[in-house]
């Protein structure tokens, strides 16, 4: 990874201040074809509303929000660790919305984000992590290299931003 990228956890008070920059990353990813729950065309208002909801969830202590910042302090990537789980799953967390801006891909940003998610999960006393991703997408290689185990796939589980069906593959990691 470039020495000029820093990964850090965003606190509850700062999460709301990151909404605009995180919206930029989300829009770039969706416009680049990422199937991350949004369809084309994605409006700025939609992206801002999503990240505002996430900031509120961070403030409630339901999730950890991590960001990757370049040497200019611009947010170029993000991932979330959803720690609020049902009563019978206090040891588990979900990893969600691992996004890297197109200009920063293939520089180790995603790997660094996932390493920090592992560290935070351990600190939060989580021992099982779960995530899902587009079947056959670039992220699958990243997750497998980071020690995630493929659990299975569901064909036609979601839609790509352009409306085409895509399969989803589920992964888990024991910490």
Protein backbone atom coordinates (compact mmCIF):
# COMPACT_ATOMS: atom_id res chain seq x y z
CA UNK A 1 0.00 0.00 0.00
CA UNK A 2 1.09 3.53 -0.60
CA UNK A 3 2.73 5.07 2.46
CA UNK A 4 0.48 8.06 1.87
CA UNK A 5 -2.77 6.35 2.93
CA UNK A 6 -3.90 6.27 6.55
CA UNK A 7 -6.61 3.98 7.92
CA UNK A 8 -8.49 5.14 10.99
CA UNK A 9 -11.71 4.69 12.90
CA UNK A 10 -14.08 7.65 12.83
CA UNK A 11 -15.65 8.61 16.14
CA UNK A 12 -19.32 9.45 16.65
CA UNK A 13 -18.80 13.20 16.47
CA UNK A 14 -16.69 13.04 13.34
CA UNK A 15 -18.87 10.60 11.37
CA UNK A 16 -21.38 13.30 10.41
CA UNK A 17 -18.55 15.52 9.16
CA UNK A 18 -17.45 12.75 6.76
CA UNK A 19 -20.83 12.33 5.05
CA UNK A 20 -20.02 14.49 2.00
CA UNK A 21 -16.69 12.77 1.30
CA UNK A 22 -18.14 9.31 1.88
CA UNK A 23 -20.95 10.14 -0.56
CA UNK A 24 -18.28 10.90 -3.17
CA UNK A 25 -16.71 7.46 -2.66
CA UNK A 26 -20.09 5.70 -2.80
CA UNK A 27 -21.13 7.50 -5.99
CA UNK A 28 -17.78 6.70 -7.64
CA UNK A 29 -18.12 3.01 -6.75
CA UNK A 30 -21.74 2.69 -7.90
CA UNK A 31 -21.01 4.56 -11.14
CA UNK A 32 -18.05 2.20 -11.58
CA UNK A 33 -20.41 -0.80 -11.45
CA UNK A 34 -20.21 -1.91 -7.82
CA UNK A 35 -23.26 -3.77 -6.56
CA UNK A 36 -23.45 -2.23 -3.08
CA UNK A 37 -27.23 -1.82 -2.66
CA UNK A 38 -27.70 1.16 -5.00
CA UNK A 39 -28.91 1.54 -8.57
CA UNK A 40 -27.95 3.88 -11.40
CA UNK A 41 -28.37 6.70 -11.60
CA UNK A 42 -27.46 7.26 -7.96
CA UNK A 43 -28.32 10.75 -6.80
CA UNK A 44 -26.16 12.74 -4.42
CA UNK A 45 -29.18 13.07 -2.13
CA UNK A 46 -29.46 9.28 -1.95
CA UNK A 47 -25.78 8.91 -1.11
CA UNK A 48 -25.92 11.69 1.49
CA UNK A 49 -29.02 10.18 3.14
CA UNK A 50 -27.32 6.78 3.33
CA UNK A 51 -24.18 8.16 4.99
CA UNK A 52 -26.22 10.36 7.34
CA UNK A 53 -28.01 7.21 8.54
CA UNK A 54 -24.65 5.47 8.98
CA UNK A 55 -23.31 8.44 10.99
CA UNK A 56 -26.33 8.17 13.30
CA UNK A 57 -25.71 4.43 13.70
CA UNK A 58 -22.08 5.15 14.62
CA UNK A 59 -23.30 7.70 17.19
CA UNK A 60 -25.60 5.03 18.69
CA UNK A 61 -22.63 2.65 19.03
CA UNK A 62 -24.05 0.10 16.58
CA UNK A 63 -21.09 0.06 14.21
CA UNK A 64 -17.50 1.10 13.69
CA UNK A 65 -16.80 3.27 10.65
CA UNK A 66 -13.31 3.16 9.19
CA UNK A 67 -11.92 5.49 6.56
CA UNK A 68 -8.83 5.49 4.38
CA UNK A 69 -7.36 8.94 3.79
CA UNK A 70 -4.76 9.90 1.20
CA UNK A 71 -1.86 12.29 1.82
CA UNK A 72 -4.18 15.26 1.19
CA UNK A 73 -6.64 14.09 3.85
CA UNK A 74 -9.20 13.05 1.21
CA UNK A 75 -11.28 9.97 2.00
CA UNK A 76 -10.50 7.31 -0.63
CA UNK A 77 -11.99 4.25 1.04
CA UNK A 78 -14.20 2.99 3.83
CA UNK A 79 -15.55 -0.10 5.55
CA UNK A 80 -17.93 -0.73 8.43
CA UNK A 81 -18.02 -3.24 11.23
CA UNK A 82 -21.61 -3.74 12.40
CA UNK A 83 -21.31 -4.77 16.02
CA UNK A 84 -24.97 -4.51 17.08
CA UNK A 85 -26.23 -8.07 16.77
CA UNK A 86 -29.06 -10.16 18.22
CA UNK A 87 -28.81 -11.25 21.85
CA UNK A 88 -27.72 -14.77 20.90
CA UNK A 89 -24.85 -13.50 18.70
CA UNK A 90 -22.78 -11.15 20.87
CA UNK A 91 -19.58 -12.69 19.49
CA UNK A 92 -20.41 -11.89 15.81
CA UNK A 93 -20.14 -8.80 13.59
CA UNK A 94 -20.94 -8.04 9.96
CA UNK A 95 -18.51 -6.32 7.63
CA UNK A 96 -20.28 -3.97 5.24
CA UNK A 97 -19.73 -1.46 2.45
CA UNK A 98 -16.02 -1.99 1.84
CA UNK A 99 -15.55 0.72 -0.78
CA UNK A 100 -12.40 2.07 -2.43
CA UNK A 101 -12.53 5.04 -4.80
CA UNK A 102 -11.49 4.11 -8.34
CA UNK A 103 -8.43 6.37 -8.21
CA UNK A 104 -7.05 4.43 -5.24
CA UNK A 105 -7.69 0.83 -6.25
CA UNK A 106 -4.95 -1.77 -6.54
CA UNK A 107 -2.80 0.11 -4.02
CA UNK A 108 -3.54 -2.04 -0.97
CA UNK A 109 -6.23 0.24 0.45
CA UNK A 110 -8.84 -2.52 0.64
CA UNK A 111 -6.39 -4.91 2.30
CA UNK A 112 -5.43 -2.25 4.86
CA UNK A 113 -9.10 -1.53 5.61
CA UNK A 114 -9.80 -5.22 6.13
CA UNK A 115 -6.76 -5.65 8.40
CA UNK A 116 -7.97 -2.79 10.57
CA UNK A 117 -11.49 -4.28 10.67
CA UNK A 118 -9.96 -7.47 12.06
CA UNK A 119 -8.08 -5.51 14.71
CA UNK A 120 -11.16 -3.56 15.78
CA UNK A 121 -13.32 -6.70 15.81
CA UNK A 122 -10.88 -8.38 18.17
CA UNK A 123 -10.84 -5.30 20.40
CA UNK A 124 -14.66 -5.40 20.44
CA UNK A 125 -14.51 -9.08 21.51
CA UNK A 126 -15.92 -10.35 18.21
CA UNK A 127 -14.76 -13.80 17.10
CA UNK A 128 -16.90 -14.43 13.99
CA UNK A 129 -17.15 -12.02 11.08
CA UNK A 130 -19.52 -12.33 8.11
CA UNK A 131 -19.75 -10.47 4.79
CA UNK A 132 -21.17 -10.86 1.31
CA UNK A 133 -19.91 -9.73 -2.07
CA UNK A 134 -20.67 -10.04 -5.78
CA UNK A 135 -19.83 -13.53 -7.02
CA UNK A 136 -16.80 -13.39 -9.31
CA UNK A 137 -15.95 -9.79 -8.43
CA UNK A 138 -12.49 -8.44 -7.62
CA UNK A 139 -13.34 -8.27 -3.92
CA UNK A 140 -13.49 -12.07 -3.69
CA UNK A 141 -9.74 -12.32 -4.27
CA UNK A 142 -9.11 -9.64 -1.66
CA UNK A 143 -11.20 -11.43 0.96
CA UNK A 144 -9.66 -14.82 0.24
CA UNK A 145 -6.13 -13.37 0.52
CA UNK A 146 -7.16 -11.82 3.86
CA UNK A 147 -8.10 -15.25 5.25
CA UNK A 148 -11.86 -15.23 4.70
CA UNK A 149 -13.58 -18.56 3.99
CA UNK A 150 -16.18 -18.89 1.27
CA UNK A 151 -19.43 -20.22 2.73
CA UNK A 152 -21.58 -20.34 -0.40
CA UNK A 153 -23.28 -18.41 -3.18
CA UNK A 154 -26.82 -17.48 -4.07
CA UNK A 155 -27.47 -16.95 -7.80
CA UNK A 156 -29.45 -13.84 -8.80
CA UNK A 157 -29.39 -12.57 -5.21
CA UNK A 158 -29.07 -8.88 -6.09
CA UNK A 159 -28.89 -6.46 -8.97
CA UNK A 160 -25.92 -4.68 -10.45
CA UNK A 161 -26.34 -0.89 -10.65
CA UNK A 162 -27.44 -1.27 -14.28
CA UNK A 163 -30.25 -3.70 -13.35
CA UNK A 164 -28.58 -6.98 -14.36
CA UNK A 165 -28.87 -9.86 -11.90
CA UNK A 166 -25.77 -10.92 -9.99
CA UNK A 167 -24.96 -13.71 -7.64
CA UNK A 168 -23.77 -13.05 -4.11
CA UNK A 169 -21.11 -15.03 -2.28
CA UNK A 170 -21.04 -15.19 1.51
CA UNK A 171 -17.82 -15.32 3.51
CA UNK A 172 -16.92 -15.78 7.16
CA UNK A 173 -13.79 -15.36 9.21
CA UNK A 174 -12.98 -16.84 12.60
CA UNK A 175 -10.79 -14.54 14.66
